[in-house]
Every structure is written in C-alpha cells, then in structure tokens.
Amino acid sequence: MKFILATAALLLLTPTSAFAALSGFYDSAEQIDTILGSTEVGDALRQAPIGQIGNTGTRADGAKEWTIRTQECDLVVYLVPKPPEGPGMTTYSLDIPNTCE
C-alpha cells in the first residue's frame, strides 16, 4: 500500500511537461520538417537544391540555429520553440533573418 501511495504522490508532484517530452530524435525530426516544409525557406534559397542541413547552435533567446547549405550560399535560419499549453509536443516557428543573394 505504501508503494502505491508513494507512486501516486510522485505522479502528482511531477510537472506535466515531463510527460510531454519527445526524444531528441523526434524533436530534431520536427525541426527539420518545419524547415523543409516552409515555402519561405525555399524562396530564401531561391529554390536551389539543398546539399546539407545541420543544427549549428542555439541563439541567446533559446531559438535553435540551423544552417542550410546550397552550392551558392549558406542560409542560417532560427526555429523559435512553441511549447504546448498542456501535454503535447513542442512545435517551432521560423525566423529567417537573411536570404541567399
């Protein structure tokens, strides 16, 4: 009985966001999907084919920095995390400060 009460207390005291966390793999996949699914990124790249895409850091405000490389340019974009209001996964909005010239 003590085990059941201790488990119940632990579940009640655990923050809800802990239940919403995705593995790093699925979170990265969500970030890449946000980038590749964006018409704004395609336009910023002038529709050039992508040679490489990689996470290159984190901005001071917590936005994830990604660099998309084509033959002519390296485009840096930022993904601003949008945590869910309840249980669920974090989604991202794009910040594209520059375009390929």
N, C-alpha and C. Protein backbone atom coordinates (compact mmCIF):
# COMPACT_ATOMS: atom_id res chain seq x y z
N MET A 1 0.82 -1.20 0.00
CA MET A 1 0.00 0.00 0.00
C MET A 1 0.87 1.26 0.00
N LYS A 2 1.97 1.22 0.78
CA LYS A 2 2.86 2.37 0.82
C LYS A 2 3.45 2.65 -0.56
N PHE A 3 3.77 1.58 -1.30
CA PHE A 3 4.33 1.75 -2.65
C PHE A 3 3.32 2.45 -3.56
N ILE A 4 2.07 2.08 -3.49
CA ILE A 4 1.04 2.69 -4.32
C ILE A 4 0.87 4.16 -3.96
N LEU A 5 0.85 4.48 -2.67
CA LEU A 5 0.72 5.87 -2.24
C LEU A 5 1.93 6.69 -2.66
N ALA A 6 3.13 6.12 -2.55
CA ALA A 6 4.34 6.84 -2.95
C ALA A 6 4.35 7.09 -4.46
N THR A 7 3.93 6.11 -5.23
CA THR A 7 3.86 6.27 -6.68
C THR A 7 2.84 7.32 -7.07
N ALA A 8 1.69 7.30 -6.45
CA ALA A 8 0.66 8.29 -6.73
C ALA A 8 1.14 9.70 -6.38
N ALA A 9 1.81 9.83 -5.24
CA ALA A 9 2.33 11.14 -4.84
C ALA A 9 3.38 11.63 -5.83
N LEU A 10 4.23 10.73 -6.28
CA LEU A 10 5.26 11.10 -7.25
C LEU A 10 4.63 11.56 -8.56
N LEU A 11 3.61 10.88 -9.01
CA LEU A 11 2.93 11.28 -10.25
C LEU A 11 2.25 12.63 -10.12
N LEU A 12 1.68 12.90 -8.97
CA LEU A 12 1.01 14.18 -8.75
C LEU A 12 1.99 15.34 -8.66
N LEU A 13 3.20 15.07 -8.16
CA LEU A 13 4.18 16.13 -7.98
C LEU A 13 5.08 16.34 -9.20
N THR A 14 4.99 15.44 -10.18
CA THR A 14 5.82 15.56 -11.39
C THR A 14 5.18 16.58 -12.32
N PRO A 15 5.98 17.56 -12.83
CA PRO A 15 5.42 18.54 -13.75
C PRO A 15 4.85 17.88 -15.00
N THR A 16 3.76 18.43 -15.51
CA THR A 16 3.10 17.88 -16.69
C THR A 16 4.01 17.90 -17.90
N SER A 17 4.91 18.88 -18.01
CA SER A 17 5.78 18.97 -19.17
C SER A 17 6.70 17.75 -19.29
N ALA A 18 6.96 17.07 -18.18
CA ALA A 18 7.81 15.88 -18.24
C ALA A 18 7.14 14.79 -19.05
N PHE A 19 5.82 14.74 -19.03
CA PHE A 19 5.10 13.73 -19.78
C PHE A 19 5.03 14.08 -21.26
N ALA A 20 5.29 15.33 -21.61
CA ALA A 20 5.15 15.79 -22.98
C ALA A 20 6.45 15.74 -23.76
N ALA A 21 7.55 15.43 -23.11
CA ALA A 21 8.85 15.48 -23.76
C ALA A 21 8.99 14.41 -24.83
N LEU A 22 9.52 14.82 -25.98
CA LEU A 22 9.83 13.88 -27.05
C LEU A 22 11.30 13.50 -26.95
N SER A 23 11.64 12.39 -27.55
CA SER A 23 13.06 12.05 -27.63
C SER A 23 13.75 13.06 -28.53
N GLY A 24 15.06 13.17 -28.38
CA GLY A 24 15.83 14.09 -29.22
C GLY A 24 15.67 13.81 -30.70
N PHE A 25 15.54 12.54 -31.06
CA PHE A 25 15.36 12.17 -32.46
C PHE A 25 14.08 12.78 -33.02
N TYR A 26 12.96 12.59 -32.33
CA TYR A 26 11.69 13.09 -32.83
C TYR A 26 11.60 14.61 -32.79
N ASP A 27 12.25 15.23 -31.79
CA ASP A 27 12.28 16.68 -31.74
C ASP A 27 13.09 17.24 -32.92
N SER A 28 14.24 16.62 -33.21
CA SER A 28 15.03 17.04 -34.37
C SER A 28 14.25 16.85 -35.66
N ALA A 29 13.54 15.73 -35.77
CA ALA A 29 12.73 15.48 -36.97
C ALA A 29 11.65 16.56 -37.13
N GLU A 30 11.05 16.99 -36.03
CA GLU A 30 10.05 18.07 -36.07
C GLU A 30 10.69 19.36 -36.56
N GLN A 31 11.89 19.65 -36.10
CA GLN A 31 12.60 20.87 -36.52
C GLN A 31 12.93 20.81 -38.02
N ILE A 32 13.46 19.68 -38.47
CA ILE A 32 13.81 19.54 -39.89
C ILE A 32 12.55 19.61 -40.76
N ASP A 33 11.47 18.99 -40.30
CA ASP A 33 10.21 19.05 -41.05
C ASP A 33 9.70 20.48 -41.15
N THR A 34 9.85 21.26 -40.09
CA THR A 34 9.44 22.67 -40.13
C THR A 34 10.25 23.43 -41.17
N ILE A 35 11.55 23.17 -41.25
CA ILE A 35 12.41 23.85 -42.21
C ILE A 35 12.07 23.43 -43.64
N LEU A 36 12.04 22.12 -43.88
CA LEU A 36 11.83 21.63 -45.24
C LEU A 36 10.40 21.85 -45.74
N GLY A 37 9.45 22.00 -44.83
CA GLY A 37 8.07 22.25 -45.22
C GLY A 37 7.75 23.72 -45.43
N SER A 38 8.73 24.58 -45.31
CA SER A 38 8.50 26.02 -45.39
C SER A 38 8.74 26.57 -46.79
N THR A 39 7.73 27.21 -47.34
CA THR A 39 7.91 27.88 -48.64
C THR A 39 8.84 29.08 -48.49
N GLU A 40 8.87 29.69 -47.29
CA GLU A 40 9.75 30.83 -47.05
C GLU A 40 11.22 30.42 -47.15
N VAL A 41 11.56 29.25 -46.64
CA VAL A 41 12.93 28.77 -46.74
C VAL A 41 13.27 28.49 -48.21
N GLY A 42 12.36 27.85 -48.92
CA GLY A 42 12.58 27.60 -50.35
C GLY A 42 12.80 28.88 -51.12
N ASP A 43 12.01 29.90 -50.83
CA ASP A 43 12.19 31.19 -51.50
C ASP A 43 13.50 31.86 -51.10
N ALA A 44 13.87 31.76 -49.81
CA ALA A 44 15.13 32.35 -49.34
C ALA A 44 16.34 31.68 -50.00
N LEU A 45 16.19 30.39 -50.33
CA LEU A 45 17.25 29.65 -51.00
C LEU A 45 17.19 29.81 -52.53
N ARG A 46 16.23 30.58 -53.00
CA ARG A 46 15.98 30.76 -54.43
C ARG A 46 15.74 29.41 -55.11
N GLN A 47 15.08 28.51 -54.39
CA GLN A 47 14.70 27.18 -54.87
C GLN A 47 15.90 26.31 -55.25
N ALA A 48 17.08 26.65 -54.77
CA ALA A 48 18.29 25.86 -55.06
C ALA A 48 18.23 24.53 -54.31
N PRO A 49 18.81 23.47 -54.86
CA PRO A 49 18.81 22.18 -54.17
C PRO A 49 19.68 22.23 -52.91
N ILE A 50 19.23 21.56 -51.88
CA ILE A 50 19.94 21.53 -50.60
C ILE A 50 21.04 20.48 -50.66
N GLY A 51 22.24 20.89 -50.29
CA GLY A 51 23.35 19.96 -50.21
C GLY A 51 23.57 19.43 -48.82
N GLN A 52 23.24 20.26 -47.81
CA GLN A 52 23.47 19.85 -46.42
C GLN A 52 22.59 20.71 -45.52
N ILE A 53 22.14 20.11 -44.44
CA ILE A 53 21.38 20.84 -43.43
C ILE A 53 21.86 20.36 -42.07
N GLY A 54 22.09 21.30 -41.16
CA GLY A 54 22.58 20.89 -39.85
C GLY A 54 22.27 21.90 -38.76
N ASN A 55 22.13 21.39 -37.55
CA ASN A 55 21.93 22.23 -36.39
C ASN A 55 23.29 22.81 -36.00
N THR A 56 23.38 24.14 -35.96
CA THR A 56 24.67 24.79 -35.74
C THR A 56 24.74 25.59 -34.44
N GLY A 57 23.75 25.45 -33.58
CA GLY A 57 23.83 26.13 -32.30
C GLY A 57 22.48 26.56 -31.76
N THR A 58 22.54 27.38 -30.74
CA THR A 58 21.34 27.92 -30.11
C THR A 58 21.55 29.41 -29.85
N ARG A 59 20.59 30.21 -30.25
CA ARG A 59 20.64 31.65 -30.03
C ARG A 59 20.39 31.95 -28.55
N ALA A 60 20.78 33.13 -28.09
CA ALA A 60 20.66 33.51 -26.68
C ALA A 60 19.22 33.39 -26.16
N ASP A 61 18.23 33.60 -27.04
CA ASP A 61 16.83 33.51 -26.61
C ASP A 61 16.29 32.08 -26.65
N GLY A 62 17.13 31.10 -26.96
CA GLY A 62 16.71 29.70 -26.98
C GLY A 62 16.32 29.18 -28.35
N ALA A 63 16.31 30.05 -29.37
CA ALA A 63 15.97 29.60 -30.72
C ALA A 63 17.06 28.69 -31.25
N LYS A 64 16.66 27.63 -31.92
CA LYS A 64 17.62 26.66 -32.48
C LYS A 64 18.13 27.19 -33.81
N GLU A 65 19.46 27.23 -33.97
CA GLU A 65 20.07 27.72 -35.21
C GLU A 65 20.35 26.54 -36.13
N TRP A 66 19.88 26.66 -37.38
CA TRP A 66 20.13 25.65 -38.40
C TRP A 66 20.76 26.33 -39.61
N THR A 67 21.72 25.67 -40.24
CA THR A 67 22.34 26.17 -41.46
C THR A 67 22.00 25.23 -42.59
N ILE A 68 21.48 25.82 -43.67
CA ILE A 68 21.12 25.06 -44.87
C ILE A 68 22.10 25.47 -45.95
N ARG A 69 22.84 24.50 -46.47
CA ARG A 69 23.90 24.78 -47.45
C ARG A 69 23.45 24.37 -48.85
N THR A 70 23.63 25.29 -49.79
CA THR A 70 23.46 25.00 -51.21
C THR A 70 24.81 25.25 -51.88
N GLN A 71 24.88 25.07 -53.19
CA GLN A 71 26.15 25.32 -53.87
C GLN A 71 26.55 26.79 -53.80
N GLU A 72 25.58 27.69 -53.80
CA GLU A 72 25.88 29.12 -53.84
C GLU A 72 25.88 29.82 -52.49
N CYS A 73 25.22 29.25 -51.49
CA CYS A 73 25.13 30.01 -50.23
C CYS A 73 24.85 29.11 -49.04
N ASP A 74 25.10 29.66 -47.86
CA ASP A 74 24.73 29.04 -46.59
C ASP A 74 23.66 29.94 -45.97
N LEU A 75 22.47 29.40 -45.80
CA LEU A 75 21.37 30.16 -45.20
C LEU A 75 21.21 29.74 -43.75
N VAL A 76 21.23 30.72 -42.85
CA VAL A 76 21.02 30.45 -41.43
C VAL A 76 19.57 30.82 -41.09
N VAL A 77 18.88 29.87 -40.47
CA VAL A 77 17.51 30.09 -40.02
C VAL A 77 17.44 29.75 -38.53
N TYR A 78 16.45 30.28 -37.86
CA TYR A 78 16.25 30.01 -36.44
C TYR A 78 14.86 29.45 -36.23
N LEU A 79 14.77 28.46 -35.37
CA LEU A 79 13.49 27.87 -35.00
C LEU A 79 13.18 28.28 -33.57
N VAL A 80 12.10 29.02 -33.41
CA VAL A 80 11.68 29.51 -32.10
C VAL A 80 10.71 28.47 -31.51
N PRO A 81 11.06 27.87 -30.37
CA PRO A 81 10.20 26.84 -29.80
C PRO A 81 8.87 27.41 -29.29
N LYS A 82 7.81 26.66 -29.57
CA LYS A 82 6.46 27.00 -29.09
C LYS A 82 5.97 25.81 -28.24
N PRO A 83 6.23 25.85 -26.92
CA PRO A 83 5.81 24.73 -26.07
C PRO A 83 4.29 24.60 -26.06
N PRO A 84 3.80 23.39 -25.88
CA PRO A 84 2.34 23.19 -25.82
C PRO A 84 1.78 23.76 -24.52
N GLU A 85 0.50 24.08 -24.55
CA GLU A 85 -0.14 24.60 -23.34
C GLU A 85 -0.42 23.50 -22.32
N GLY A 86 -0.54 22.30 -22.80
CA GLY A 86 -0.74 21.13 -21.94
C GLY A 86 0.16 20.03 -22.45
N PRO A 87 -0.23 18.79 -22.23
CA PRO A 87 0.56 17.69 -22.78
C PRO A 87 0.60 17.77 -24.31
N GLY A 88 1.72 17.47 -24.87
CA GLY A 88 1.90 17.51 -26.31
C GLY A 88 3.34 17.82 -26.65
N MET A 89 3.60 17.96 -27.94
CA MET A 89 4.98 18.20 -28.36
C MET A 89 5.22 19.67 -28.64
N THR A 90 6.47 20.06 -28.55
CA THR A 90 6.88 21.42 -28.89
C THR A 90 6.87 21.56 -30.40
N THR A 91 6.31 22.66 -30.88
CA THR A 91 6.36 22.99 -32.29
C THR A 91 7.27 24.21 -32.44
N TYR A 92 7.54 24.57 -33.69
CA TYR A 92 8.52 25.64 -33.94
C TYR A 92 8.00 26.62 -34.99
N SER A 93 8.34 27.88 -34.80
CA SER A 93 8.10 28.89 -35.84
C SER A 93 9.46 29.34 -36.37
N LEU A 94 9.48 29.74 -37.62
CA LEU A 94 10.74 30.11 -38.29
C LEU A 94 11.06 31.58 -38.18
N ASP A 95 12.33 31.87 -38.02
CA ASP A 95 12.86 33.22 -38.11
C ASP A 95 13.98 33.14 -39.16
N ILE A 96 13.77 33.82 -40.30
CA ILE A 96 14.74 33.79 -41.39
C ILE A 96 15.27 35.21 -41.57
N PRO A 97 16.42 35.53 -40.95
CA PRO A 97 16.91 36.91 -40.98
C PRO A 97 17.45 37.36 -42.34
N ASN A 98 17.94 36.44 -43.18
CA ASN A 98 18.52 36.81 -44.48
C ASN A 98 18.06 35.84 -45.55
N THR A 99 18.39 36.17 -46.79
CA THR A 99 18.13 35.27 -47.92
C THR A 99 19.42 35.09 -48.70
N CYS A 100 19.42 34.12 -49.57
CA CYS A 100 20.57 33.94 -50.47
C CYS A 100 20.47 34.96 -51.59
N GLU A 101 21.54 35.62 -51.86
CA GLU A 101 21.57 36.63 -52.93
C GLU A 101 22.15 36.07 -54.20
